[in-house]
N, C-alpha and C. Protein backbone atom coordinates (compact mmCIF):
# COMPACT_ATOMS: atom_id res chain seq x y z
N MET A 1 0.91 -1.41 0.18
CA MET A 1 -0.11 0.02 -0.04
C MET A 1 0.94 0.83 -0.13
N TRP A 2 0.44 2.10 -0.61
CA TRP A 2 1.38 3.59 -1.05
C TRP A 2 1.14 4.09 -0.10
N HIS A 3 2.05 5.12 0.72
CA HIS A 3 2.16 5.99 1.33
C HIS A 3 2.80 7.23 0.99
N LEU A 4 2.00 8.54 1.22
CA LEU A 4 2.45 9.70 0.83
C LEU A 4 3.30 10.05 1.58
N GLU A 5 4.71 10.31 1.24
CA GLU A 5 5.85 10.96 2.35
C GLU A 5 5.84 12.31 2.76
N SER A 6 5.97 12.99 1.12
CA SER A 6 5.93 14.72 1.44
C SER A 6 5.72 15.45 0.13
N ILE A 7 5.47 16.74 0.30
CA ILE A 7 5.21 17.35 -0.80
C ILE A 7 5.98 18.97 -1.19
N LYS A 8 6.55 19.17 -2.26
CA LYS A 8 7.18 20.39 -2.34
C LYS A 8 6.03 21.08 -3.28
N ILE A 9 5.88 22.27 -3.02
CA ILE A 9 4.62 23.07 -3.82
C ILE A 9 5.22 24.29 -4.30
N ASN A 10 5.54 24.61 -5.62
CA ASN A 10 6.08 26.22 -5.86
C ASN A 10 5.08 26.91 -6.80
N ASN A 11 4.89 27.63 -6.34
CA ASN A 11 4.19 28.80 -7.09
C ASN A 11 2.54 28.13 -7.24
N LEU A 12 1.80 27.70 -7.01
CA LEU A 12 0.52 27.06 -7.14
C LEU A 12 -0.53 27.46 -6.55
N PHE A 13 -1.15 28.61 -6.81
CA PHE A 13 -2.31 29.20 -6.49
C PHE A 13 -1.65 30.34 -5.37
N SER A 14 -1.53 30.11 -4.15
CA SER A 14 -1.21 30.91 -3.07
C SER A 14 0.04 30.83 -2.68
N HIS A 15 0.49 29.35 -2.67
CA HIS A 15 1.80 28.69 -2.42
C HIS A 15 2.78 29.15 -3.10
N LYS A 16 3.93 29.99 -2.41
CA LYS A 16 4.87 30.00 -3.57
C LYS A 16 6.32 29.17 -3.05
N ASP A 17 6.24 28.57 -2.14
CA ASP A 17 7.14 28.00 -1.57
C ASP A 17 7.02 27.01 -0.47
N THR A 18 6.35 25.95 -0.46
CA THR A 18 5.80 25.23 0.52
C THR A 18 6.20 23.75 0.63
N GLN A 19 6.85 23.20 1.92
CA GLN A 19 6.80 21.82 2.07
C GLN A 19 6.22 21.17 3.15
N TYR A 20 5.42 19.68 2.94
CA TYR A 20 5.00 19.61 3.93
C TYR A 20 5.13 18.18 4.08
N ASP A 21 5.65 17.54 5.19
CA ASP A 21 5.91 16.11 5.42
C ASP A 21 4.62 15.39 5.89
N PHE A 22 4.08 14.52 5.36
CA PHE A 22 3.07 13.96 5.93
C PHE A 22 3.30 12.83 6.98
N MET A 23 2.80 12.90 8.09
CA MET A 23 2.59 11.63 9.18
C MET A 23 1.84 10.65 8.89
N LYS A 24 2.76 9.33 9.07
CA LYS A 24 1.91 8.01 8.55
C LYS A 24 0.98 7.33 9.83
N ASN A 25 -0.44 7.03 9.31
CA ASN A 25 -1.42 6.36 10.67
C ASN A 25 -1.73 7.48 11.58
N GLN A 26 -1.93 8.86 10.87
CA GLN A 26 -2.09 9.63 11.93
C GLN A 26 -3.06 10.72 11.30
N CYS A 27 -4.24 10.99 11.73
CA CYS A 27 -5.05 12.17 11.42
C CYS A 27 -4.54 13.25 11.06
N VAL A 28 -4.28 13.99 10.63
CA VAL A 28 -4.14 15.59 10.69
C VAL A 28 -4.70 16.48 9.98
N MET A 29 -5.04 17.49 11.20
CA MET A 29 -5.66 18.83 10.99
C MET A 29 -5.01 19.92 10.39
N ILE A 30 -5.59 20.59 9.16
CA ILE A 30 -4.44 21.75 8.28
C ILE A 30 -5.71 22.94 8.75
N PHE A 31 -4.83 23.75 9.29
CA PHE A 31 -5.31 25.18 9.85
C PHE A 31 -4.79 26.08 9.04
N GLY A 32 -5.68 26.99 8.33
CA GLY A 32 -4.76 28.03 8.05
C GLY A 32 -4.84 29.42 8.53
N ASN A 33 -4.09 30.35 8.05
CA ASN A 33 -3.77 31.86 8.42
C ASN A 33 -3.98 32.30 7.51
N ASN A 34 -5.03 33.19 7.22
CA ASN A 34 -4.87 34.28 6.12
C ASN A 34 -4.30 35.61 6.40
N LEU A 35 -3.22 35.79 6.17
CA LEU A 35 -2.74 36.88 6.11
C LEU A 35 -2.79 38.03 5.50
N SER A 36 -3.81 37.85 4.61
CA SER A 36 -3.94 39.24 3.58
C SER A 36 -5.52 39.55 3.87
N ASP A 37 -6.18 38.90 4.84
CA ASP A 37 -7.47 39.24 4.97
C ASP A 37 -7.74 38.86 6.69
N ASP A 38 -7.51 39.91 7.50
CA ASP A 38 -7.46 39.24 8.93
C ASP A 38 -9.02 39.31 8.83
N GLY A 39 -10.02 39.16 8.48
CA GLY A 39 -11.26 38.98 8.79
C GLY A 39 -12.02 37.87 8.06
N SER A 40 -11.11 37.06 7.79
CA SER A 40 -11.75 35.84 7.15
C SER A 40 -10.99 34.41 7.90
N ASP A 41 -10.36 34.96 8.71
CA ASP A 41 -9.93 33.76 9.49
C ASP A 41 -8.95 32.90 8.44
N SER A 42 -9.19 31.66 8.45
CA SER A 42 -8.59 30.66 7.62
C SER A 42 -9.26 30.20 6.15
N ASN A 43 -10.15 31.30 5.77
CA ASN A 43 -11.06 30.93 4.49
C ASN A 43 -9.68 31.68 3.63
N GLY A 44 -9.36 31.12 2.64
CA GLY A 44 -8.36 31.59 1.27
C GLY A 44 -7.10 31.31 1.98
N SER A 45 -6.60 30.80 2.87
CA SER A 45 -5.30 30.78 3.48
C SER A 45 -4.50 29.86 2.60
N GLY A 46 -4.85 29.01 1.90
CA GLY A 46 -4.28 27.98 0.85
C GLY A 46 -4.38 26.25 1.72
N LYS A 47 -5.22 26.30 2.45
CA LYS A 47 -5.25 25.00 3.01
C LYS A 47 -5.65 23.59 1.87
N SER A 48 -6.74 24.01 1.24
CA SER A 48 -7.46 23.00 -0.19
C SER A 48 -6.19 23.20 -1.31
N VAL A 49 -5.37 24.03 -1.33
CA VAL A 49 -3.82 24.23 -2.10
C VAL A 49 -3.23 22.89 -2.10
N ILE A 50 -3.08 22.25 -0.68
CA ILE A 50 -2.08 21.08 -0.20
C ILE A 50 -3.07 19.85 -1.40
N LEU A 51 -4.34 19.89 -1.03
CA LEU A 51 -4.96 18.79 -2.09
C LEU A 51 -5.13 18.99 -3.35
N GLU A 52 -5.16 20.21 -3.68
CA GLU A 52 -4.79 20.39 -5.25
C GLU A 52 -3.24 20.12 -5.80
N ALA A 53 -2.44 20.29 -4.56
CA ALA A 53 -0.94 19.98 -5.28
C ALA A 53 -0.85 18.47 -5.66
N ILE A 54 -1.26 17.45 -4.65
CA ILE A 54 -1.74 15.87 -4.64
C ILE A 54 -2.09 15.82 -5.84
N THR A 55 -3.33 16.58 -6.21
CA THR A 55 -3.98 15.94 -7.68
C THR A 55 -3.31 16.53 -8.71
N LEU A 56 -2.52 17.43 -8.42
CA LEU A 56 -1.79 17.93 -9.74
C LEU A 56 -0.53 17.13 -9.95
N ALA A 57 0.25 16.64 -8.96
CA ALA A 57 1.07 15.33 -9.07
C ALA A 57 0.66 14.15 -9.51
N PHE A 58 -0.75 13.86 -9.27
CA PHE A 58 -0.95 12.64 -9.82
C PHE A 58 -1.56 12.54 -11.08
N THR A 59 -2.56 13.73 -11.66
CA THR A 59 -3.19 13.46 -12.88
C THR A 59 -2.62 14.68 -13.86
N GLY A 60 -1.89 15.50 -13.25
CA GLY A 60 -1.65 16.97 -14.17
C GLY A 60 -2.29 18.14 -14.20
N GLU A 61 -3.54 18.00 -13.43
CA GLU A 61 -4.61 18.66 -13.69
C GLU A 61 -4.98 18.97 -11.98
N VAL A 62 -5.73 20.16 -12.00
CA VAL A 62 -6.49 20.40 -10.56
C VAL A 62 -7.86 19.90 -10.80
N SER A 63 -8.69 19.98 -9.32
CA SER A 63 -9.84 19.55 -9.44
C SER A 63 -11.06 20.65 -9.44
N ARG A 64 -10.28 22.22 -9.44
CA ARG A 64 -11.29 23.19 -9.77
C ARG A 64 -11.24 23.41 -11.16
N GLU A 65 -12.29 23.64 -11.51
CA GLU A 65 -12.36 23.89 -12.93
C GLU A 65 -11.83 25.38 -13.31
N VAL A 66 -10.32 25.41 -13.19
CA VAL A 66 -9.94 26.73 -13.68
C VAL A 66 -8.71 26.41 -14.63
N ASP A 67 -8.56 27.27 -15.79
CA ASP A 67 -7.31 27.21 -16.85
C ASP A 67 -5.87 27.47 -16.37
N ARG A 68 -4.68 26.99 -17.01
CA ARG A 68 -3.73 26.86 -15.88
C ARG A 68 -3.13 28.25 -15.73
N SER A 69 -3.63 29.04 -16.40
CA SER A 69 -2.97 30.69 -15.81
C SER A 69 -3.47 31.18 -14.88
N GLU A 70 -4.89 30.39 -14.56
CA GLU A 70 -5.63 30.72 -12.98
C GLU A 70 -5.04 29.93 -12.09
N PHE A 71 -4.38 28.68 -11.78
CA PHE A 71 -3.96 28.47 -10.99
C PHE A 71 -2.34 28.55 -10.74
N ILE A 72 -1.15 28.94 -11.68
CA ILE A 72 -0.39 29.20 -11.42
C ILE A 72 -0.10 30.28 -10.93
N ASN A 73 0.76 30.83 -9.87
CA ASN A 73 0.73 31.98 -9.03
C ASN A 73 1.24 33.19 -10.03
N ASP A 74 0.44 34.26 -9.66
CA ASP A 74 0.72 35.38 -10.61
C ASP A 74 1.77 35.91 -10.90
N GLU A 75 2.88 36.00 -9.69
CA GLU A 75 4.08 36.03 -9.87
C GLU A 75 5.06 35.13 -10.59
N SER A 76 4.65 34.11 -11.40
CA SER A 76 5.49 33.10 -11.95
C SER A 76 4.87 32.45 -13.43
N ASP A 77 5.85 31.93 -13.71
CA ASP A 77 5.13 31.43 -15.15
C ASP A 77 5.26 30.10 -14.87
N GLU A 78 5.61 29.31 -14.26
CA GLU A 78 5.02 28.11 -13.87
C GLU A 78 4.54 27.56 -12.86
N ALA A 79 4.51 26.34 -12.32
CA ALA A 79 4.08 26.19 -11.21
C ALA A 79 4.78 24.48 -11.10
N PHE A 80 5.25 23.92 -9.41
CA PHE A 80 6.18 23.32 -9.76
C PHE A 80 5.51 22.19 -8.42
N VAL A 81 5.45 20.98 -8.60
CA VAL A 81 5.14 20.70 -7.34
C VAL A 81 5.88 18.71 -7.43
N GLU A 82 6.33 18.40 -6.55
CA GLU A 82 6.94 16.97 -5.95
C GLU A 82 6.62 16.47 -5.23
N LEU A 83 5.56 14.86 -5.48
CA LEU A 83 5.26 14.63 -4.51
C LEU A 83 6.14 13.10 -4.11
N ASN A 84 6.47 12.77 -2.97
CA ASN A 84 7.07 11.50 -2.66
C ASN A 84 6.04 10.46 -1.69
N LEU A 85 5.97 9.46 -2.51
CA LEU A 85 5.72 8.12 -2.11
C LEU A 85 6.22 6.56 -1.89
N SER A 86 6.11 6.39 -0.86
CA SER A 86 6.73 4.80 -0.40
C SER A 86 5.68 3.66 -0.19
N ASN A 87 6.32 2.64 -0.42
CA ASN A 87 5.39 1.42 -0.41
C ASN A 87 6.15 0.14 -0.66
N LYS A 88 5.64 -0.65 0.74
CA LYS A 88 6.71 -1.48 1.17
C LYS A 88 6.68 -3.11 0.17
N LYS A 89 5.68 -2.89 -0.55
CA LYS A 89 5.40 -4.34 -1.60
C LYS A 89 5.97 -3.86 -2.73
N GLY A 90 6.11 -5.09 -3.34
CA GLY A 90 6.26 -4.58 -5.27
C GLY A 90 7.58 -4.62 -5.14
N SER A 91 8.25 -3.94 -6.32
CA SER A 91 9.51 -3.93 -6.89
C SER A 91 9.59 -2.43 -7.10
N VAL A 92 8.58 -1.84 -6.98
CA VAL A 92 9.03 -0.46 -6.92
C VAL A 92 8.55 -0.04 -5.43
N ASN A 93 9.39 0.66 -4.56
CA ASN A 93 9.16 0.91 -3.30
C ASN A 93 9.18 2.32 -2.82
N SER A 94 9.92 3.16 -3.68
CA SER A 94 9.36 4.74 -3.38
C SER A 94 9.41 5.20 -5.07
N LEU A 95 8.53 6.23 -4.84
CA LEU A 95 8.10 7.02 -6.27
C LEU A 95 7.76 8.64 -6.01
N SER A 96 8.64 9.00 -6.82
CA SER A 96 8.68 10.58 -6.91
C SER A 96 7.95 11.18 -7.99
N ILE A 97 7.10 11.75 -7.91
CA ILE A 97 6.88 12.19 -9.06
C ILE A 97 7.24 13.83 -8.96
N LEU A 98 7.67 14.37 -10.14
CA LEU A 98 7.84 15.75 -10.29
C LEU A 98 7.24 16.48 -11.30
N ARG A 99 6.45 17.63 -11.39
CA ARG A 99 5.67 17.95 -12.53
C ARG A 99 5.57 19.34 -12.45
N THR A 100 5.91 19.80 -13.74
CA THR A 100 6.27 21.38 -13.74
C THR A 100 5.37 21.59 -14.97
N VAL A 101 3.97 22.72 -14.89
CA VAL A 101 3.14 23.34 -15.33
C VAL A 101 3.62 24.67 -15.54
N HIS A 102 3.98 24.83 -16.88
CA HIS A 102 4.25 26.23 -17.71
C HIS A 102 2.91 26.62 -17.99
N ARG A 103 2.79 28.43 -18.23
CA ARG A 103 1.78 29.20 -18.79
C ARG A 103 1.79 28.67 -20.26
N THR A 104 2.83 28.85 -20.86
CA THR A 104 2.51 28.62 -22.15
C THR A 104 3.82 27.70 -22.98
N LYS A 105 4.18 26.87 -22.08
CA LYS A 105 5.23 25.89 -22.42
C LYS A 105 4.58 24.68 -22.28
N ALA A 106 5.04 23.29 -22.79
CA ALA A 106 4.26 21.88 -22.44
C ALA A 106 4.77 21.83 -20.99
N GLU A 107 3.77 21.22 -20.42
CA GLU A 107 3.95 20.62 -19.23
C GLU A 107 5.37 19.29 -19.34
N LYS A 108 5.52 19.05 -17.73
CA LYS A 108 6.84 18.43 -17.88
C LYS A 108 6.66 17.50 -17.10
N ILE A 109 7.28 16.27 -16.85
CA ILE A 109 7.06 15.28 -15.68
C ILE A 109 8.16 14.60 -15.73
N ILE A 110 8.88 14.07 -14.46
CA ILE A 110 9.90 12.91 -14.07
C ILE A 110 9.27 12.33 -13.42
N LEU A 111 9.65 10.87 -13.57
CA LEU A 111 9.16 9.86 -12.42
C LEU A 111 10.67 9.42 -12.37
N MET A 112 10.73 9.57 -10.37
CA MET A 112 11.82 8.22 -10.28
C MET A 112 11.12 7.21 -9.16
N GLU A 113 11.78 6.14 -9.54
CA GLU A 113 10.99 5.05 -9.18
C GLU A 113 12.69 4.35 -8.73
N ASN A 114 12.49 4.24 -7.14
CA ASN A 114 13.37 3.27 -6.45
C ASN A 114 14.66 4.50 -6.22
N GLY A 115 14.37 5.62 -6.57
CA GLY A 115 15.72 6.69 -6.48
C GLY A 115 16.15 6.95 -8.09
N LYS A 116 15.78 6.07 -9.03
CA LYS A 116 16.24 6.64 -10.47
C LYS A 116 15.36 6.99 -11.09
N ARG A 117 15.92 7.51 -11.79
CA ARG A 117 14.67 8.59 -13.07
C ARG A 117 14.15 7.42 -14.15
N ASN A 118 13.18 7.26 -14.68
CA ASN A 118 12.15 6.24 -15.57
C ASN A 118 12.58 6.94 -16.63
N GLU A 119 13.55 6.55 -17.52
CA GLU A 119 13.88 6.97 -18.75
C GLU A 119 13.01 6.54 -19.73
N GLU A 120 12.54 5.18 -19.42
CA GLU A 120 11.31 4.95 -20.49
C GLU A 120 10.43 5.91 -21.13
N MET A 121 9.77 6.54 -19.98
CA MET A 121 8.24 7.58 -20.23
C MET A 121 9.14 8.46 -21.43
N THR A 122 8.32 8.51 -22.37
CA THR A 122 8.37 9.48 -23.39
C THR A 122 7.82 10.78 -23.46
N SER A 123 6.44 10.83 -23.05
CA SER A 123 5.39 11.81 -22.90
C SER A 123 4.78 11.61 -21.30
N VAL A 124 4.09 13.13 -21.24
CA VAL A 124 3.23 12.95 -20.13
C VAL A 124 2.37 12.25 -20.00
N ARG A 125 1.85 11.73 -21.01
CA ARG A 125 0.76 10.55 -21.05
C ARG A 125 1.29 9.38 -20.60
N GLU A 126 2.25 8.98 -20.97
CA GLU A 126 3.04 7.52 -20.50
C GLU A 126 3.68 7.48 -19.22
N ALA A 127 3.66 8.79 -18.74
CA ALA A 127 4.53 8.94 -17.20
C ALA A 127 2.67 8.96 -16.39
N ASN A 128 1.96 9.38 -17.36
CA ASN A 128 0.58 9.37 -16.32
C ASN A 128 0.13 7.98 -16.52
N GLY A 129 -0.26 7.52 -17.12
CA GLY A 129 -0.46 5.82 -17.07
C GLY A 129 0.62 4.96 -16.15
N ARG A 130 2.11 5.17 -16.25
CA ARG A 130 2.68 4.77 -15.44
C ARG A 130 2.44 4.77 -13.77
N ILE A 131 2.13 5.87 -13.64
CA ILE A 131 1.57 6.33 -12.20
C ILE A 131 0.30 5.58 -11.78
N TYR A 132 -0.58 5.65 -12.45
CA TYR A 132 -1.69 5.24 -12.17
C TYR A 132 -1.30 3.42 -12.09
N GLU A 133 -0.57 2.90 -12.90
CA GLU A 133 -0.06 1.54 -12.79
C GLU A 133 0.27 1.02 -11.70
N LEU A 134 1.64 1.61 -11.10
CA LEU A 134 2.29 1.79 -9.91
C LEU A 134 1.31 1.72 -8.78
N ILE A 135 -0.04 2.87 -8.59
CA ILE A 135 -0.47 2.59 -7.60
C ILE A 135 -2.02 1.91 -7.38
N GLY A 136 -1.92 1.25 -8.66
CA GLY A 136 -3.20 0.40 -8.77
C GLY A 136 -4.67 1.03 -8.51
N LEU A 137 -4.49 2.31 -8.95
CA LEU A 137 -5.75 3.18 -9.41
C LEU A 137 -6.00 3.77 -10.60
N THR A 138 -7.44 3.93 -10.71
CA THR A 138 -7.27 4.81 -12.21
C THR A 138 -7.42 6.21 -11.47
N LYS A 139 -7.76 7.04 -13.13
CA LYS A 139 -7.73 8.66 -12.59
C LYS A 139 -8.71 8.78 -12.04
N PHE A 140 -10.15 8.00 -11.88
CA PHE A 140 -11.62 8.39 -11.89
C PHE A 140 -11.61 7.85 -10.30
N ASP A 141 -10.70 6.94 -9.91
CA ASP A 141 -10.64 6.74 -8.42
C ASP A 141 -10.06 7.08 -7.81
N LEU A 142 -8.99 7.70 -8.40
CA LEU A 142 -8.27 8.97 -7.31
C LEU A 142 -9.23 9.96 -7.19
N LEU A 143 -9.71 10.75 -8.19
CA LEU A 143 -10.29 12.19 -8.39
C LEU A 143 -11.54 11.85 -7.90
N ASN A 144 -12.58 10.71 -7.25
CA ASN A 144 -13.71 10.63 -6.83
C ASN A 144 -13.48 9.87 -5.51
N PHE A 145 -12.61 9.51 -5.27
CA PHE A 145 -12.87 8.58 -3.84
C PHE A 145 -11.53 9.10 -3.11
N PHE A 146 -10.37 9.35 -3.47
CA PHE A 146 -9.08 9.40 -2.88
C PHE A 146 -9.18 10.84 -2.38
N LEU A 147 -9.04 11.53 -3.36
CA LEU A 147 -8.96 13.12 -3.52
C LEU A 147 -10.06 13.73 -3.38
N ILE A 148 -10.82 13.93 -2.50
CA ILE A 148 -12.35 14.37 -2.74
C ILE A 148 -11.88 16.12 -1.70
N GLY A 149 -12.21 17.01 -2.69
CA GLY A 149 -11.92 18.42 -2.38
C GLY A 149 -13.19 19.17 -2.20
N GLN A 150 -13.49 20.01 -2.29
CA GLN A 150 -14.57 21.10 -2.53
C GLN A 150 -15.37 20.59 -3.74
N GLU A 151 -14.62 20.06 -4.88
CA GLU A 151 -15.59 20.32 -5.87
C GLU A 151 -15.84 18.65 -6.06
N LYS A 152 -15.59 18.17 -5.27
CA LYS A 152 -16.09 16.14 -5.56
C LYS A 152 -17.13 16.02 -6.33
N ARG A 153 -16.91 14.95 -7.09
CA ARG A 153 -17.91 14.48 -7.86
C ARG A 153 -18.56 13.56 -7.67
N PHE A 154 -18.23 12.45 -6.86
CA PHE A 154 -18.41 11.39 -6.37
C PHE A 154 -18.04 10.85 -5.05
N SER A 155 -18.96 10.56 -4.16
CA SER A 155 -18.72 9.74 -3.31
C SER A 155 -18.58 8.31 -2.79
N PHE A 156 -17.20 8.24 -2.37
CA PHE A 156 -17.19 6.82 -1.84
C PHE A 156 -18.36 6.24 -0.89
N LEU A 157 -19.32 7.07 0.07
CA LEU A 157 -19.99 6.82 0.72
C LEU A 157 -21.40 6.54 0.05
N THR A 158 -21.70 6.96 -1.00
CA THR A 158 -22.50 6.69 -1.86
C THR A 158 -22.35 5.37 -2.74
N CYS A 159 -21.44 5.12 -2.60
CA CYS A 159 -21.44 3.66 -3.37
C CYS A 159 -21.86 2.54 -2.98
N GLY A 160 -22.29 1.26 -3.54
CA GLY A 160 -22.79 0.26 -2.87
C GLY A 160 -21.80 -0.45 -2.59
N ASP A 161 -22.04 -1.59 -1.77
CA ASP A 161 -21.30 -2.33 -1.32
C ASP A 161 -20.29 -3.30 -1.48
N THR A 162 -20.58 -3.64 -2.86
CA THR A 162 -19.65 -4.53 -3.67
C THR A 162 -18.47 -3.44 -4.44
N GLU A 163 -19.01 -2.22 -5.05
CA GLU A 163 -18.13 -0.95 -5.59
C GLU A 163 -17.04 -0.67 -4.14
N LYS A 164 -17.84 -0.62 -3.07
CA LYS A 164 -16.63 -0.29 -2.26
C LYS A 164 -15.69 -1.30 -1.77
N LYS A 165 -16.20 -2.36 -1.87
CA LYS A 165 -15.21 -3.65 -1.52
C LYS A 165 -14.34 -3.82 -2.70
N ASP A 166 -14.56 -3.43 -4.20
CA ASP A 166 -13.58 -3.32 -5.07
C ASP A 166 -12.90 -2.35 -5.08
N ILE A 167 -13.12 -1.00 -4.60
CA ILE A 167 -11.90 -0.12 -4.59
C ILE A 167 -11.11 -0.47 -3.59
N ILE A 168 -11.59 -0.87 -2.45
CA ILE A 168 -10.85 -0.98 -1.13
C ILE A 168 -9.43 -2.18 -1.57
N SER A 169 -10.13 -3.06 -2.28
CA SER A 169 -9.27 -4.20 -2.48
C SER A 169 -8.04 -3.76 -3.89
N ARG A 170 -8.63 -2.55 -4.69
CA ARG A 170 -7.46 -2.56 -5.79
C ARG A 170 -6.40 -1.57 -4.94
N PHE A 171 -6.70 -0.82 -4.09
CA PHE A 171 -5.48 0.16 -3.51
C PHE A 171 -5.08 -0.47 -2.00
N SER A 172 -5.63 -1.85 -1.57
CA SER A 172 -4.98 -2.09 -0.17
C SER A 172 -4.66 -3.40 -0.34
N ASP A 173 -4.64 -4.18 -1.52
CA ASP A 173 -4.14 -5.59 -1.68
C ASP A 173 -4.71 -6.67 -0.97
N THR A 174 -6.12 -6.33 -1.03
CA THR A 174 -7.12 -7.29 -0.20
C THR A 174 -8.09 -8.02 -1.08
N ASP A 175 -7.83 -8.58 -2.23
CA ASP A 175 -8.90 -9.35 -2.59
C ASP A 175 -9.26 -10.40 -2.12
N PHE A 176 -8.55 -10.67 -0.56
CA PHE A 176 -9.51 -12.39 -0.15
C PHE A 176 -10.43 -11.51 0.39
N ILE A 177 -10.62 -10.82 0.66
CA ILE A 177 -11.98 -9.81 1.34
C ILE A 177 -13.39 -10.61 0.56
N ASN A 178 -13.28 -10.58 -0.73
CA ASN A 178 -14.43 -10.84 -1.52
C ASN A 178 -14.61 -12.79 -1.34
N GLN A 179 -13.45 -13.31 -1.34
CA GLN A 179 -13.38 -14.80 -1.02
C GLN A 179 -14.02 -15.10 0.33
N LYS A 180 -13.73 -14.57 1.20
CA LYS A 180 -13.76 -14.97 2.57
C LYS A 180 -15.46 -14.77 2.48
N ILE A 181 -15.75 -13.79 2.08
CA ILE A 181 -17.53 -13.72 2.14
C ILE A 181 -18.11 -14.43 1.39
């Protein structure tokens, strides 16, 4: 099972330079402090941008319906995200996704598997496919069941039991659940 280890965010929405190390097996509450508008408490402070950065790393998109020029910080021409993951099973135990999105140039992506750059990926599309292959989820699964932000399209909680079991078994390697039932 894959675990998020850390994320670096540069010039994505309000985040100019952010790094966050995830805690394993712990619930984390993210509280923001809006430095530009004292009366808004934590609204607009960039809490959901962390989820957007994870979404961008995995898919090359943000979940908000905005074009590229709107999610790149106004003071830059590009946004960069580095997401680091670990996994104890399989032949790939560490994965780093380094994705750069430009206002006018093509997107760039680098995949580091077990600390070595994957040179076989010749396009962003191939790299995206490799990400989904390694983590064992589809883009639909990621966007609708795991990276559920303010603009969620579907909820895991509304799925039927069979669909929930299928989704859980795909990301947790627990195919035995249906066999036992």
